Amino acid sequence: MTGGQFRIRDLELVVALHEEGNMTQAAKRLGMSEPALSKQLRQIERRIQTSLFERGNGGVVTTGSGRAFVAHATESVQAFRRAVHEAQESKHNAPHRLHIGVSTCHPPNLIEILCTVELRLYKSLSVEIVTAYSFELIGKLQHHELDLAIITSPPPNALITSACFATNPFMIVFREGHPLSGKASVKLHELGPYPWVFFNRNIHHHMHDLILQRIRAKCEPAGVCHSVSQEEHAVALLTDNRVLAWLTPTGAERAVRSGFKSIPLDDSQIRLEMHLATLANNKSSLVSEYVRTFMKRIEEQRPPLQLQLPIWQKAGDHL
């Protein structure tokens, strides 16, 4: 037998294992034990008489057959979750509801805008806000836990479509006596000779890695002397005239008020972009109407919105 009946749970298991690449993490995500996951996977592979994954000490790797299976399994899982979501929304004429994620890099007034968007065709709309790091929000979108998400500088993803509505440069901050203090802006390669106060990788994996990869390609590896997650730590670590810190415009403004110098990074590939994102296959008319109205509201905002990295949140705030 090369087919048989599959449950959604079976498909979710295969998708989770493909995305995580690790039995332990996939089991944790699915809320089951690792032995139970292994047993269920063996049953699935027996049913279709095909190996979907190759196992090793470092995790699991999806086979060619597995990738073909995962492509269709993902579509089925997403369709099922969307069906459940829409059925729940329409139950007993329930009011229309949107679940919107906001990255930790949100500007101060963004949540207020999200919650006060009014749609002509959806008078009873309610908005539920979920805050998390950008990479977490992408996962929540793909698992239909969110309808929309505000994501900072998202990496390319074929499953996600987005529209950028705010862009700002990183700001480089240092003491007045720093060798770069006479410049109006700075190129990435000019930062190579100096020690950095840099943001932690868990703040934004993609941007963190992109910056370090590009500086290595241009000159010597970056001399990251401190990794921080709070603004006051970054500024406090500017202890001599050679150290520099990567800050957002908002963080840089505060540093300047404390007597530090700030100049923008001039680099077209390293910028703080804020995107409104949803699944590429999301056909909801409610989501489409909300996106159009939200973008119009943003266009009306003056001055333009500025971004904040989560390193500028107060200690204990996990937005």
Protein backbone atom coordinates (compact mmCIF):
# COMPACT_ATOMS: atom_id res chain seq x y z
CA MET A 1 0.00 0.00 0.00
CA THR A 2 1.42 3.39 -0.99
CA GLY A 3 -1.27 5.63 0.41
CA GLY A 4 -3.80 5.43 3.20
CA GLN A 5 -5.62 7.89 5.36
CA PHE A 6 -3.63 10.66 6.98
CA ARG A 7 -4.64 12.79 9.91
CA ILE A 8 -3.78 16.49 10.06
CA ARG A 9 -1.62 15.60 13.04
CA ASP A 10 0.49 13.35 10.81
CA LEU A 11 1.04 16.16 8.34
CA GLU A 12 1.84 18.62 11.14
CA LEU A 13 4.48 16.23 12.43
CA VAL A 14 6.23 15.98 9.09
CA VAL A 15 6.12 19.75 8.55
CA ALA A 16 7.40 20.47 12.06
CA LEU A 17 10.29 18.03 11.70
CA HIS A 18 11.24 19.50 8.32
CA GLU A 19 11.19 23.07 9.67
CA GLU A 20 13.00 22.30 12.93
CA GLY A 21 15.52 19.81 11.54
CA ASN A 22 15.74 18.33 15.01
CA MET A 23 13.70 15.59 16.71
CA THR A 24 13.83 17.19 20.16
CA GLN A 25 12.70 20.62 18.96
CA ALA A 26 9.96 19.18 16.75
CA ALA A 27 8.63 17.08 19.63
CA LYS A 28 8.62 20.12 21.90
CA ARG A 29 6.78 22.17 19.29
CA LEU A 30 4.14 19.44 18.87
CA GLY A 31 3.73 18.88 22.61
CA MET A 32 4.73 15.23 22.52
CA SER A 33 7.64 13.07 23.66
CA GLU A 34 10.55 12.35 21.33
CA PRO A 35 9.93 8.56 21.40
CA ALA A 36 6.27 9.11 20.50
CA LEU A 37 7.31 11.35 17.59
CA SER A 38 9.78 8.73 16.32
CA LYS A 39 7.14 6.02 16.51
CA GLN A 40 4.56 8.09 14.64
CA LEU A 41 7.11 9.04 11.97
CA ARG A 42 7.98 5.37 11.40
CA GLN A 43 4.27 4.61 10.94
CA ILE A 44 3.92 7.43 8.41
CA GLU A 45 6.96 6.29 6.43
CA ARG A 46 5.74 2.69 6.46
CA ARG A 47 2.36 3.81 5.18
CA ILE A 48 3.82 5.58 2.16
CA GLN A 49 6.76 3.17 1.82
CA THR A 50 9.20 6.08 1.53
CA SER A 51 11.87 7.54 3.80
CA LEU A 52 11.11 11.20 4.46
CA PHE A 53 14.08 12.01 6.69
CA GLU A 54 17.65 10.89 7.19
CA ARG A 55 18.70 10.77 10.83
CA GLY A 56 22.10 11.68 12.25
CA ASN A 57 23.80 12.93 15.40
CA GLY A 58 23.26 16.53 14.37
CA GLY A 59 19.53 16.18 13.73
CA VAL A 60 17.48 15.16 10.72
CA VAL A 61 17.71 16.09 7.03
CA THR A 62 14.70 15.98 4.73
CA THR A 63 15.15 13.62 1.80
CA GLY A 64 14.16 14.45 -1.78
CA SER A 65 10.96 12.46 -1.32
CA GLY A 66 10.43 14.22 1.98
CA ARG A 67 10.68 17.68 0.40
CA ALA A 68 8.05 16.75 -2.17
CA PHE A 69 5.80 15.42 0.59
CA VAL A 70 6.35 18.48 2.82
CA ALA A 71 5.36 20.91 0.05
CA HIS A 72 1.88 19.38 -0.19
CA ALA A 73 1.61 18.67 3.54
CA THR A 74 2.27 22.35 4.32
CA GLU A 75 -0.51 23.46 1.97
CA SER A 76 -2.93 21.00 3.56
CA VAL A 77 -2.06 22.03 7.13
CA GLN A 78 -2.41 25.72 6.29
CA ALA A 79 -5.75 25.15 4.55
CA PHE A 80 -7.04 23.20 7.57
CA ARG A 81 -5.97 25.87 10.05
CA ARG A 82 -7.50 28.60 7.93
CA ALA A 83 -10.77 26.63 7.71
CA VAL A 84 -10.86 26.19 11.49
CA HIS A 85 -10.08 29.86 12.04
CA GLU A 86 -12.79 31.10 9.70
CA ALA A 87 -15.34 28.63 11.09
CA GLN A 88 -14.66 29.87 14.61
CA GLU A 89 -14.90 33.48 13.50
CA SER A 90 -18.33 32.96 11.92
CA LYS A 91 -19.74 30.84 14.76
CA HIS A 92 -22.90 32.42 16.20
CA ASN A 93 -22.29 35.55 14.12
CA ALA A 94 -19.20 36.31 16.14
CA PRO A 95 -17.57 39.71 15.49
CA HIS A 96 -14.72 39.83 13.01
CA ARG A 97 -11.34 39.48 14.69
CA LEU A 98 -7.77 39.90 13.55
CA HIS A 99 -4.73 38.54 15.37
CA ILE A 100 -1.81 40.88 14.65
CA GLY A 101 1.78 40.37 15.73
CA VAL A 102 4.07 43.30 16.42
CA SER A 103 7.85 42.96 16.51
CA THR A 104 9.87 44.32 19.36
CA CYS A 105 11.12 47.04 17.00
CA HIS A 106 7.81 48.90 16.94
CA PRO A 107 7.56 52.71 17.18
CA PRO A 108 5.66 54.11 20.19
CA ASN A 109 2.38 54.91 18.44
CA LEU A 110 2.17 51.84 16.20
CA ILE A 111 -0.01 49.68 18.45
CA GLU A 112 -2.47 52.54 18.85
CA ILE A 113 -2.76 52.80 15.06
CA LEU A 114 -3.24 49.04 14.70
CA CYS A 115 -6.05 49.01 17.26
CA THR A 116 -7.90 52.04 15.90
CA VAL A 117 -8.08 51.16 12.19
CA GLU A 118 -11.73 51.37 11.17
CA LEU A 119 -13.06 49.36 8.23
CA ARG A 120 -16.27 50.39 6.48
CA LEU A 121 -17.36 46.81 5.75
CA TYR A 122 -16.34 45.36 9.12
CA LYS A 123 -17.89 47.55 11.78
CA SER A 124 -17.54 44.95 14.55
CA LEU A 125 -13.84 44.32 13.98
CA SER A 126 -11.71 43.62 17.04
CA VAL A 127 -7.90 43.41 17.02
CA GLU A 128 -5.80 41.20 19.26
CA ILE A 129 -2.13 42.20 19.54
CA VAL A 130 0.67 39.67 20.06
CA THR A 131 4.23 40.94 20.56
CA ALA A 132 7.38 38.88 19.90
CA TYR A 133 10.68 38.93 18.07
CA SER A 134 10.44 39.14 14.28
CA PHE A 135 11.58 35.55 13.64
CA GLU A 136 8.94 34.29 16.09
CA LEU A 137 6.23 36.27 14.31
CA ILE A 138 7.16 34.71 10.97
CA GLY A 139 6.65 31.26 12.48
CA LYS A 140 3.31 32.29 13.96
CA LEU A 141 2.16 33.58 10.57
CA GLN A 142 3.09 30.30 8.90
CA HIS A 143 1.21 28.31 11.54
CA HIS A 144 -1.91 30.48 11.18
CA GLU A 145 -1.61 31.80 14.71
CA LEU A 146 -1.59 35.33 13.28
CA ASP A 147 -3.38 37.04 10.40
CA LEU A 148 -0.87 39.86 10.03
CA ALA A 149 2.44 40.86 11.58
CA ILE A 150 4.65 43.92 11.82
CA ILE A 151 8.14 42.55 11.18
CA THR A 152 11.47 44.37 11.15
CA SER A 153 13.74 43.70 8.13
CA PRO A 154 12.34 40.23 7.36
CA PRO A 155 14.56 37.78 5.45
CA PRO A 156 13.29 36.47 2.08
CA ASN A 157 10.51 33.92 2.52
CA ALA A 158 8.39 32.55 -0.34
CA LEU A 159 5.48 31.87 2.02
CA ILE A 160 5.29 35.47 3.26
CA THR A 161 4.29 38.64 1.42
CA SER A 162 4.94 42.06 2.93
CA ALA A 163 4.88 45.80 2.33
CA CYS A 164 7.53 48.12 3.76
CA PHE A 165 6.12 51.25 5.38
CA ALA A 166 9.09 52.72 7.29
CA THR A 167 12.84 52.74 6.75
CA ASN A 168 15.64 54.15 8.90
CA PRO A 169 19.43 53.77 8.97
CA PHE A 170 21.37 52.31 11.83
CA MET A 171 23.13 55.04 13.79
CA ILE A 172 26.75 54.75 14.85
CA VAL A 173 27.40 56.39 18.23
CA PHE A 174 30.71 57.22 19.92
CA ARG A 175 32.47 59.80 22.07
CA GLU A 176 33.27 63.24 20.66
CA GLY A 177 36.96 62.38 20.42
CA HIS A 178 36.44 59.32 18.19
CA PRO A 179 38.42 59.29 14.88
CA LEU A 180 35.08 59.19 12.97
CA SER A 181 33.56 62.17 14.78
CA GLY A 182 34.22 64.60 11.94
CA LYS A 183 32.24 62.63 9.36
CA ALA A 184 28.61 63.31 8.36
CA SER A 185 27.98 59.59 7.65
CA VAL A 186 30.00 56.40 7.63
CA LYS A 187 30.46 53.38 5.36
CA LEU A 188 30.48 49.86 6.75
CA HIS A 189 34.16 49.18 5.97
CA GLU A 190 35.14 52.30 7.96
CA LEU A 191 33.83 50.66 11.13
CA GLY A 192 36.16 47.68 10.83
CA PRO A 193 39.17 49.08 12.74
CA TYR A 194 37.18 49.92 15.87
CA PRO A 195 35.72 47.86 18.75
CA TRP A 196 31.91 47.48 18.59
CA VAL A 197 29.14 47.51 21.14
CA PHE A 198 26.70 45.34 19.18
CA PHE A 199 23.19 43.97 19.73
CA ASN A 200 22.67 40.34 20.74
CA ARG A 201 21.96 37.83 17.97
CA ASN A 202 18.64 36.79 19.51
CA ILE A 203 17.37 40.34 18.95
CA HIS A 204 17.37 39.84 15.16
CA HIS A 205 19.16 36.76 13.78
CA HIS A 206 19.06 37.79 10.12
CA MET A 207 20.26 41.38 10.57
CA HIS A 208 22.92 40.40 13.10
CA ASP A 209 24.40 37.76 10.77
CA LEU A 210 24.10 39.94 7.66
CA ILE A 211 26.11 42.75 9.25
CA LEU A 212 28.89 40.45 10.45
CA GLN A 213 29.07 38.60 7.11
CA ARG A 214 29.33 41.83 5.15
CA ILE A 215 31.98 43.36 7.40
CA ARG A 216 34.06 40.18 7.07
CA ALA A 217 33.77 40.39 3.28
CA LYS A 218 34.97 43.99 3.26
CA CYS A 219 37.78 43.88 5.81
CA GLU A 220 38.89 42.11 8.96
CA PRO A 221 36.27 40.41 11.18
CA ALA A 222 34.32 42.86 13.30
CA GLY A 223 35.78 43.42 16.74
CA VAL A 224 32.61 42.95 18.79
CA CYS A 225 33.81 43.74 22.30
CA HIS A 226 30.36 43.82 23.93
CA SER A 227 26.95 42.28 23.07
CA VAL A 228 24.04 44.08 24.72
CA SER A 229 20.28 43.92 24.99
CA GLN A 230 19.56 47.26 26.67
CA GLU A 231 20.26 50.81 25.56
CA GLU A 232 21.74 52.06 28.79
CA HIS A 233 24.30 49.24 28.65
CA ALA A 234 25.36 50.20 25.12
CA VAL A 235 25.96 53.84 26.03
CA ALA A 236 27.66 52.98 29.32
CA LEU A 237 30.15 50.79 27.45
CA LEU A 238 31.44 53.67 25.31
CA THR A 239 34.35 54.05 27.69
CA ASP A 240 37.07 55.41 25.40
CA ASN A 241 37.55 57.27 22.13
CA ARG A 242 37.82 54.15 19.94
CA VAL A 243 34.71 52.16 20.91
CA LEU A 244 31.53 52.65 18.85
CA ALA A 245 27.96 51.42 19.31
CA TRP A 246 25.23 50.37 16.88
CA LEU A 247 22.00 52.16 17.86
CA THR A 248 18.64 52.95 16.33
CA PRO A 249 17.69 56.57 15.58
CA THR A 250 15.68 56.77 18.81
CA GLY A 251 18.54 55.36 20.86
CA ALA A 252 21.01 57.66 19.14
CA GLU A 253 18.92 60.73 19.97
CA ARG A 254 19.06 59.81 23.65
CA ALA A 255 22.81 59.26 23.45
CA VAL A 256 23.35 62.65 21.82
CA ARG A 257 21.45 64.29 24.67
CA SER A 258 23.96 62.65 27.00
CA GLY A 259 26.90 64.19 25.15
CA PHE A 260 27.74 61.51 22.58
CA LYS A 261 28.20 61.92 18.82
CA SER A 262 25.91 60.13 16.33
CA ILE A 263 26.18 59.64 12.55
CA PRO A 264 24.14 57.42 10.18
CA LEU A 265 25.47 54.26 8.56
CA ASP A 266 25.40 54.77 4.78
CA ASP A 267 24.63 51.27 3.49
CA SER A 268 21.76 50.31 1.19
CA GLN A 269 21.67 46.70 2.40
CA ILE A 270 21.83 47.33 6.15
CA ARG A 271 18.75 49.32 7.08
CA LEU A 272 15.91 49.03 9.56
CA GLU A 273 12.80 48.33 7.51
CA MET A 274 9.39 47.81 9.07
CA HIS A 275 7.04 45.57 7.06
CA LEU A 276 3.38 44.65 7.34
CA ALA A 277 3.35 40.94 6.47
CA THR A 278 0.88 38.12 5.90
CA LEU A 279 0.87 34.71 4.25
CA ALA A 280 1.29 34.89 0.47
CA ASN A 281 -1.74 32.63 -0.01
CA ASN A 282 -4.00 34.54 2.39
CA LYS A 283 -7.12 35.40 0.34
CA SER A 284 -9.11 36.96 3.19
CA SER A 285 -11.00 40.05 2.10
CA LEU A 286 -10.86 41.28 5.70
CA VAL A 287 -7.06 41.11 5.73
CA SER A 288 -6.85 42.86 2.34
CA GLU A 289 -9.14 45.67 3.47
CA TYR A 290 -7.24 46.07 6.74
CA VAL A 291 -3.87 46.27 4.95
CA ARG A 292 -5.13 48.96 2.56
CA THR A 293 -6.60 51.04 5.38
CA PHE A 294 -3.58 50.64 7.64
CA MET A 295 -1.16 51.71 4.90
CA LYS A 296 -3.28 54.77 4.22
CA ARG A 297 -3.18 55.68 7.91
CA ILE A 298 0.60 55.31 7.92
CA GLU A 299 0.92 57.63 4.92
CA GLU A 300 -0.97 60.25 6.89
CA GLN A 301 1.47 60.10 9.80
CA ARG A 302 3.89 63.02 10.06
CA PRO A 303 6.73 62.88 10.83
CA PRO A 304 7.56 59.41 9.46
CA LEU A 305 7.58 56.56 11.95
CA GLN A 306 10.93 55.60 13.45
CA LEU A 307 11.96 52.10 14.39
CA GLN A 308 13.27 50.85 17.70
CA LEU A 309 15.25 47.68 18.24
CA PRO A 310 14.29 45.68 21.30
CA ILE A 311 17.67 46.46 22.82
CA TRP A 312 16.15 49.81 23.65
CA GLN A 313 13.35 48.34 25.75
CA LYS A 314 13.58 48.47 29.51
CA ALA A 315 14.89 45.46 31.36
CA GLY A 316 12.21 42.80 31.72
CA ASP A 317 10.17 44.03 28.75
CA HIS A 318 9.86 41.18 26.22
CA LEU A 319 7.76 42.77 23.52
